[in-house]
């Protein structure tokens, strides 16, 4: 099963994920202890209109590839959604999530 590690690049309380510092340890754990998982890359949901979140994920991938002695191209970057995917692609995203563009906005939770 291919997996992406979610990295909290914004620090917002509404976002989840490993810190950039925890990501290397988490990746090492997955590689050493989860034989049925394939580490495909990293993902983030950045803060609205803060494209530096994409830069932080790209930097995190570089650090992770170096620490694990992997090719940087072997780790995908999933970042960018319907409202910001073009900027995410410019900053290195290899996967985007554009559900609301296709299916419309989600109804608000009550």
Protein backbone atom coordinates (compact mmCIF):
# COMPACT_ATOMS: atom_id res chain seq x y z
CA UNK A 1 0.00 0.00 0.00
CA UNK A 2 1.48 3.33 -1.01
CA UNK A 3 1.41 6.04 1.67
CA UNK A 4 2.25 9.71 1.98
CA UNK A 5 3.38 11.17 5.29
CA UNK A 6 1.40 14.28 6.19
CA UNK A 7 3.60 17.17 7.29
CA UNK A 8 2.26 20.19 9.16
CA UNK A 9 3.89 23.04 7.27
CA UNK A 10 1.60 25.82 8.49
CA UNK A 11 1.48 25.44 12.28
CA UNK A 12 -2.25 26.18 12.21
CA UNK A 13 -4.33 24.53 14.94
CA UNK A 14 -6.77 23.38 12.25
CA UNK A 15 -4.08 21.33 10.49
CA UNK A 16 -2.51 18.00 11.42
CA UNK A 17 0.63 16.12 10.54
CA UNK A 18 4.16 15.48 11.68
CA UNK A 19 6.44 18.42 12.23
CA UNK A 20 9.21 18.81 9.71
CA UNK A 21 11.61 17.66 12.43
CA UNK A 22 9.57 14.49 13.15
CA UNK A 23 9.24 13.48 9.52
CA UNK A 24 12.63 11.75 9.23
CA UNK A 25 11.96 9.65 12.35
CA UNK A 26 8.48 8.75 11.14
CA UNK A 27 9.77 7.77 7.70
CA UNK A 28 12.51 5.61 9.26
CA UNK A 29 9.86 3.90 11.40
CA UNK A 30 7.66 3.17 8.38
CA UNK A 31 10.58 1.79 6.38
CA UNK A 32 11.87 -0.38 9.23
CA UNK A 33 8.61 -1.62 10.74
CA UNK A 34 5.85 -1.52 8.13
CA UNK A 35 6.72 -4.04 5.42
CA UNK A 36 3.34 -3.73 3.72
CA UNK A 37 3.62 0.02 3.28
CA UNK A 38 5.59 1.81 0.56
CA UNK A 39 6.64 5.34 1.42
CA UNK A 40 5.60 7.23 -1.71
CA UNK A 41 6.17 10.76 -0.52
CA UNK A 42 5.02 13.68 1.58
CA UNK A 43 1.81 15.68 1.66
CA UNK A 44 0.62 18.90 3.23
CA UNK A 45 -2.42 21.13 3.39
CA UNK A 46 -0.95 24.59 3.59
CA UNK A 47 -2.38 27.71 5.11
CA UNK A 48 -4.67 29.68 2.78
CA UNK A 49 -2.65 32.00 0.52
CA UNK A 50 0.63 31.07 2.25
CA UNK A 51 2.65 29.47 -0.50
CA UNK A 52 5.72 29.21 1.75
CA UNK A 53 4.05 26.04 3.10
CA UNK A 54 4.81 24.44 -0.28
CA UNK A 55 8.43 25.56 -0.04
CA UNK A 56 8.72 24.03 3.45
CA UNK A 57 7.41 20.67 2.20
CA UNK A 58 9.85 20.72 -0.71
CA UNK A 59 12.71 21.45 1.71
CA UNK A 60 11.48 18.66 3.99
CA UNK A 61 11.58 16.22 1.05
CA UNK A 62 15.16 17.23 0.26
CA UNK A 63 16.21 16.66 3.87
CA UNK A 64 14.37 13.33 4.02
CA UNK A 65 15.91 12.07 0.78
CA UNK A 66 19.37 13.01 2.03
CA UNK A 67 18.86 11.39 5.46
CA UNK A 68 17.51 8.17 3.91
CA UNK A 69 20.02 8.15 1.03
CA UNK A 70 17.19 8.20 -1.53
CA UNK A 71 16.86 9.96 -4.83
CA UNK A 72 14.81 13.11 -4.34
CA UNK A 73 12.70 12.05 -7.33
CA UNK A 74 11.68 8.85 -5.54
CA UNK A 75 9.56 10.89 -3.10
CA UNK A 76 6.40 12.47 -4.45
CA UNK A 77 5.01 15.78 -3.18
CA UNK A 78 1.25 16.02 -2.70
CA UNK A 79 0.38 19.64 -2.14
CA UNK A 80 -2.14 22.00 -3.59
CA UNK A 81 -5.89 21.89 -3.77
CA UNK A 82 -8.51 23.43 -6.04
CA UNK A 83 -7.73 26.99 -4.96
CA UNK A 84 -3.92 26.85 -5.12
CA UNK A 85 -2.84 23.88 -7.23
CA UNK A 86 -1.21 26.04 -9.91
CA UNK A 87 1.15 27.62 -7.38
CA UNK A 88 1.82 24.21 -5.83
CA UNK A 89 2.83 22.81 -9.22
CA UNK A 90 5.20 25.75 -9.75
CA UNK A 91 6.81 24.85 -6.41
CA UNK A 92 7.28 21.15 -7.18
CA UNK A 93 4.00 19.35 -6.49
CA UNK A 94 3.67 16.01 -8.26
CA UNK A 95 0.11 15.33 -7.02
CA UNK A 96 -2.76 17.77 -6.44
CA UNK A 97 -6.23 17.38 -4.93
CA UNK A 98 -8.93 19.17 -6.89
CA UNK A 99 -12.16 17.58 -5.65
CA UNK A 100 -14.14 20.76 -5.09
CA UNK A 101 -13.34 21.92 -8.62
CA UNK A 102 -14.85 18.71 -9.96
CA UNK A 103 -17.61 17.98 -7.43
CA UNK A 104 -18.34 21.39 -5.91
CA UNK A 105 -17.83 22.67 -2.39
CA UNK A 106 -18.56 20.38 0.54
CA UNK A 107 -21.62 21.21 2.62
CA UNK A 108 -20.74 22.91 5.90
CA UNK A 109 -20.71 20.67 8.97
CA UNK A 110 -23.38 21.47 11.52
